[in-house]
Amino acid sequence: KEGFAYLSLLTDAYSRCIVGHCLHPTLEVDGPLHALHQAFTFYREHQIETKGMIHHSDRGIQYACGLYTSELQDRGCRISMTQTGDPLHNALAERMNNTLKNSWSVSSERQSFEEAKRSVDRAVQMYNEARPHQA
């Protein structure tokens, strides 16, 4: 109802859990940064070291900008980005997007931003808690 919204997801490749997510009204770095901070909080709470961890993303400007990459570097994460715009080079992220959209009812239906945000939060919680993960 209110225009576009952009979903940032951070998925742990080992556990397949979504460790950070944010639905944001713009493509600015704020949404991905919020999801990244959620991921760092998750790892800290589970006593998982982030130093040496690989952060893989497409070459979206949000993920390549200095603010985002410095957050990763400050925590000792290694940065990996796709070579091209080919979705196969970021298959885990593409699969997660598809899973949330088709299996957990996160769709592009006309709903308010707040309704969409609640829908995403609920889908992420159900995905992480109710679904067996195949690593």
C-alpha atoms as a PDB file:
ATOM      1  CA  LYS A   1       0.000   0.000   0.000  1.00  0.00           C
ATOM      2  CA  GLU A   2       2.832   2.385   0.827  1.00  0.00           C
ATOM      3  CA  GLY A   3       5.285   1.646  -1.992  1.00  0.00           C
ATOM      4  CA  PHE A   4       8.314  -0.592  -2.071  1.00  0.00           C
ATOM      5  CA  ALA A   5      10.129  -2.192   0.843  1.00  0.00           C
ATOM      6  CA  TYR A   6      13.514  -3.893   0.773  1.00  0.00           C
ATOM      7  CA  LEU A   7      14.392  -6.987   2.769  1.00  0.00           C
ATOM      8  CA  SER A   8      17.930  -7.613   3.999  1.00  0.00           C
ATOM      9  CA  LEU A   9      18.636 -11.149   5.209  1.00  0.00           C
ATOM     10  CA  LEU A  10      21.800 -12.586   6.706  1.00  0.00           C
ATOM     11  CA  THR A  11      21.832 -16.364   6.691  1.00  0.00           C
ATOM     12  CA  ASP A  12      24.431 -18.451   8.476  1.00  0.00           C
ATOM     13  CA  ALA A  13      25.745 -20.851   5.826  1.00  0.00           C
ATOM     14  CA  TYR A  14      26.545 -23.562   8.386  1.00  0.00           C
ATOM     15  CA  SER A  15      23.271 -23.678  10.327  1.00  0.00           C
ATOM     16  CA  ARG A  16      21.038 -22.164   7.603  1.00  0.00           C
ATOM     17  CA  CYS A  17      19.452 -19.972  10.290  1.00  0.00           C
ATOM     18  CA  ILE A  18      18.586 -16.385   9.527  1.00  0.00           C
ATOM     19  CA  VAL A  19      20.794 -14.489  11.976  1.00  0.00           C
ATOM     20  CA  GLY A  20      19.813 -10.982  10.888  1.00  0.00           C
ATOM     21  CA  HIS A  21      16.979  -9.405   8.956  1.00  0.00           C
ATOM     22  CA  CYS A  22      15.491  -5.995   8.321  1.00  0.00           C
ATOM     23  CA  LEU A  23      12.663  -4.739   6.158  1.00  0.00           C
ATOM     24  CA  HIS A  24      13.438  -1.144   5.220  1.00  0.00           C
ATOM     25  CA  PRO A  25      11.576   1.412   3.092  1.00  0.00           C
ATOM     26  CA  THR A  26      14.687   2.385   1.088  1.00  0.00           C
ATOM     27  CA  LEU A  27      17.726   0.744  -0.469  1.00  0.00           C
ATOM     28  CA  GLU A  28      20.014   2.814   1.751  1.00  0.00           C
ATOM     29  CA  VAL A  29      22.594   1.055   3.932  1.00  0.00           C
ATOM     30  CA  ASP A  30      20.503   1.470   7.112  1.00  0.00           C
ATOM     31  CA  GLY A  31      18.491  -1.718   6.497  1.00  0.00           C
ATOM     32  CA  PRO A  32      21.451  -3.998   5.782  1.00  0.00           C
ATOM     33  CA  LEU A  33      23.388  -2.458   8.701  1.00  0.00           C
ATOM     34  CA  HIS A  34      20.513  -3.199  11.068  1.00  0.00           C
ATOM     35  CA  ALA A  35      20.457  -6.817   9.872  1.00  0.00           C
ATOM     36  CA  LEU A  36      24.241  -7.020  10.255  1.00  0.00           C
ATOM     37  CA  HIS A  37      24.077  -5.715  13.829  1.00  0.00           C
ATOM     38  CA  GLN A  38      21.396  -8.328  14.596  1.00  0.00           C
ATOM     39  CA  ALA A  39      23.733 -10.997  13.250  1.00  0.00           C
ATOM     40  CA  PHE A  40      26.639  -9.790  15.393  1.00  0.00           C
ATOM     41  CA  THR A  41      24.337  -9.778  18.441  1.00  0.00           C
ATOM     42  CA  PHE A  42      23.239 -13.344  17.627  1.00  0.00           C
ATOM     43  CA  TYR A  43      26.827 -14.545  17.364  1.00  0.00           C
ATOM     44  CA  ARG A  44      27.857 -12.743  20.559  1.00  0.00           C
ATOM     45  CA  GLU A  45      24.899 -14.218  22.509  1.00  0.00           C
ATOM     46  CA  HIS A  46      25.802 -17.698  21.248  1.00  0.00           C
ATOM     47  CA  GLN A  47      29.502 -17.133  21.955  1.00  0.00           C
ATOM     48  CA  ILE A  48      30.440 -17.598  18.310  1.00  0.00           C
ATOM     49  CA  GLU A  49      33.585 -15.793  17.179  1.00  0.00           C
ATOM     50  CA  THR A  50      33.134 -13.649  14.081  1.00  0.00           C
ATOM     51  CA  LYS A  51      36.834 -13.119  13.422  1.00  0.00           C
ATOM     52  CA  GLY A  52      37.694 -14.922  10.201  1.00  0.00           C
ATOM     53  CA  MET A  53      34.033 -15.432   9.297  1.00  0.00           C
ATOM     54  CA  ILE A  54      33.253 -14.927   5.601  1.00  0.00           C
ATOM     55  CA  HIS A  55      30.475 -12.499   4.682  1.00  0.00           C
ATOM     56  CA  HIS A  56      29.290 -13.215   1.134  1.00  0.00           C
ATOM     57  CA  SER A  57      26.970 -10.883  -0.752  1.00  0.00           C
ATOM     58  CA  ASP A  58      26.100  -9.614  -4.162  1.00  0.00           C
ATOM     59  CA  ARG A  59      27.717  -6.406  -5.277  1.00  0.00           C
ATOM     60  CA  GLY A  60      24.824  -4.217  -4.153  1.00  0.00           C
ATOM     61  CA  ILE A  61      25.958  -0.725  -3.249  1.00  0.00           C
ATOM     62  CA  GLN A  62      24.650  -1.197   0.308  1.00  0.00           C
ATOM     63  CA  TYR A  63      27.009  -4.135   0.880  1.00  0.00           C
ATOM     64  CA  ALA A  64      29.984  -2.567  -0.894  1.00  0.00           C
ATOM     65  CA  CYS A  65      29.871   0.864   0.743  1.00  0.00           C
ATOM     66  CA  GLY A  66      32.520   1.876   3.254  1.00  0.00           C
ATOM     67  CA  LEU A  67      30.148   2.031   6.221  1.00  0.00           C
ATOM     68  CA  TYR A  68      29.045  -1.590   5.765  1.00  0.00           C
ATOM     69  CA  THR A  69      32.434  -3.059   4.880  1.00  0.00           C
ATOM     70  CA  SER A  70      34.136  -1.247   7.769  1.00  0.00           C
ATOM     71  CA  GLU A  71      31.667  -2.881  10.195  1.00  0.00           C
ATOM     72  CA  LEU A  72      32.750  -6.254   8.837  1.00  0.00           C
ATOM     73  CA  GLN A  73      36.451  -5.442   8.877  1.00  0.00           C
ATOM     74  CA  ASP A  74      36.273  -4.032  12.424  1.00  0.00           C
ATOM     75  CA  ARG A  75      35.074  -7.460  13.581  1.00  0.00           C
ATOM     76  CA  GLY A  76      37.659  -9.376  11.586  1.00  0.00           C
ATOM     77  CA  CYS A  77      35.237 -10.722   8.976  1.00  0.00           C
ATOM     78  CA  ARG A  78      36.433 -11.539   5.484  1.00  0.00           C
ATOM     79  CA  ILE A  79      34.447  -9.968   2.654  1.00  0.00           C
ATOM     80  CA  SER A  80      33.384 -12.004  -0.374  1.00  0.00           C
ATOM     81  CA  MET A  81      31.256 -10.647  -3.211  1.00  0.00           C
ATOM     82  CA  THR A  82      29.881 -12.171  -6.367  1.00  0.00           C
ATOM     83  CA  GLN A  83      31.806 -11.607  -9.586  1.00  0.00           C
ATOM     84  CA  THR A  84      28.727 -10.819 -11.651  1.00  0.00           C
ATOM     85  CA  GLY A  85      25.018 -10.240 -11.284  1.00  0.00           C
ATOM     86  CA  ASP A  86      24.375 -13.972 -11.773  1.00  0.00           C
ATOM     87  CA  PRO A  87      22.006 -15.244  -9.028  1.00  0.00           C
ATOM     88  CA  LEU A  88      23.811 -18.600  -9.075  1.00  0.00           C
ATOM     89  CA  HIS A  89      26.835 -16.885  -7.523  1.00  0.00           C
ATOM     90  CA  ASN A  90      24.741 -16.140  -4.445  1.00  0.00           C
ATOM     91  CA  ALA A  91      22.605 -19.264  -4.415  1.00  0.00           C
ATOM     92  CA  LEU A  92      22.128 -19.473  -0.633  1.00  0.00           C
ATOM     93  CA  ALA A  93      20.648 -15.966  -0.507  1.00  0.00           C
ATOM     94  CA  GLU A  94      18.455 -16.564  -3.552  1.00  0.00           C
ATOM     95  CA  ARG A  95      17.157 -19.809  -2.070  1.00  0.00           C
ATOM     96  CA  MET A  96      16.395 -18.111   1.236  1.00  0.00           C
ATOM     97  CA  ASN A  97      14.472 -15.343  -0.526  1.00  0.00           C
ATOM     98  CA  ASN A  98      12.453 -17.970  -2.386  1.00  0.00           C
ATOM     99  CA  THR A  99      11.818 -20.012   0.768  1.00  0.00           C
ATOM    100  CA  LEU A 100      10.502 -17.053   2.735  1.00  0.00           C
ATOM    101  CA  LYS A 101       8.353 -15.840  -0.118  1.00  0.00           C
ATOM    102  CA  ASN A 102       6.832 -19.189  -1.080  1.00  0.00           C
ATOM    103  CA  SER A 103       6.930 -21.355   2.055  1.00  0.00           C
ATOM    104  CA  TRP A 104       6.328 -18.848   4.833  1.00  0.00           C
ATOM    105  CA  SER A 105       3.849 -16.470   3.210  1.00  0.00           C
ATOM    106  CA  VAL A 106       6.071 -13.447   2.800  1.00  0.00           C
ATOM    107  CA  SER A 107       4.722 -12.022  -0.392  1.00  0.00           C
ATOM    108  CA  SER A 108       4.352  -8.821  -2.275  1.00  0.00           C
ATOM    109  CA  GLU A 109       0.672  -8.526  -1.378  1.00  0.00           C
ATOM    110  CA  ARG A 110      -0.621  -5.034  -0.868  1.00  0.00           C
ATOM    111  CA  GLN A 111      -0.146  -4.389   2.810  1.00  0.00           C
ATOM    112  CA  SER A 112       1.135  -1.543   4.931  1.00  0.00           C
ATOM    113  CA  PHE A 113       4.831  -1.345   5.732  1.00  0.00           C
ATOM    114  CA  GLU A 114       4.163  -2.270   9.373  1.00  0.00           C
ATOM    115  CA  GLU A 115       2.031  -5.263   8.314  1.00  0.00           C
ATOM    116  CA  ALA A 116       4.770  -6.397   5.951  1.00  0.00           C
ATOM    117  CA  LYS A 117       7.367  -6.004   8.700  1.00  0.00           C
ATOM    118  CA  ARG A 118       5.310  -8.139  11.102  1.00  0.00           C
ATOM    119  CA  SER A 119       4.831 -10.727   8.356  1.00  0.00           C
ATOM    120  CA  VAL A 120       8.594 -10.917   7.763  1.00  0.00           C
ATOM    121  CA  ASP A 121       9.367 -11.113  11.503  1.00  0.00           C
ATOM    122  CA  ARG A 122       6.857 -13.952  11.899  1.00  0.00           C
ATOM    123  CA  ALA A 123       8.195 -15.819   8.853  1.00  0.00           C
ATOM    124  CA  VAL A 124      11.810 -15.542  10.049  1.00  0.00           C
ATOM    125  CA  GLN A 125      10.843 -16.798  13.505  1.00  0.00           C
ATOM    126  CA  MET A 126       8.900 -19.733  12.044  1.00  0.00           C
ATOM    127  CA  TYR A 127      11.714 -20.540   9.627  1.00  0.00           C
ATOM    128  CA  ASN A 128      14.346 -20.535  12.377  1.00  0.00           C
ATOM    129  CA  GLU A 129      12.297 -22.394  14.987  1.00  0.00           C
ATOM    130  CA  ALA A 130       9.881 -24.683  13.177  1.00  0.00           C
ATOM    131  CA  ARG A 131      11.782 -25.885  10.147  1.00  0.00           C
ATOM    132  CA  PRO A 132      14.506 -28.509  10.130  1.00  0.00           C
ATOM    133  CA  HIS A 133      17.584 -27.054   8.468  1.00  0.00           C
ATOM    134  CA  GLN A 134      19.689 -28.903   5.947  1.00  0.00           C
ATOM    135  CA  ALA A 135      23.272 -27.735   6.123  1.00  0.00           C
END
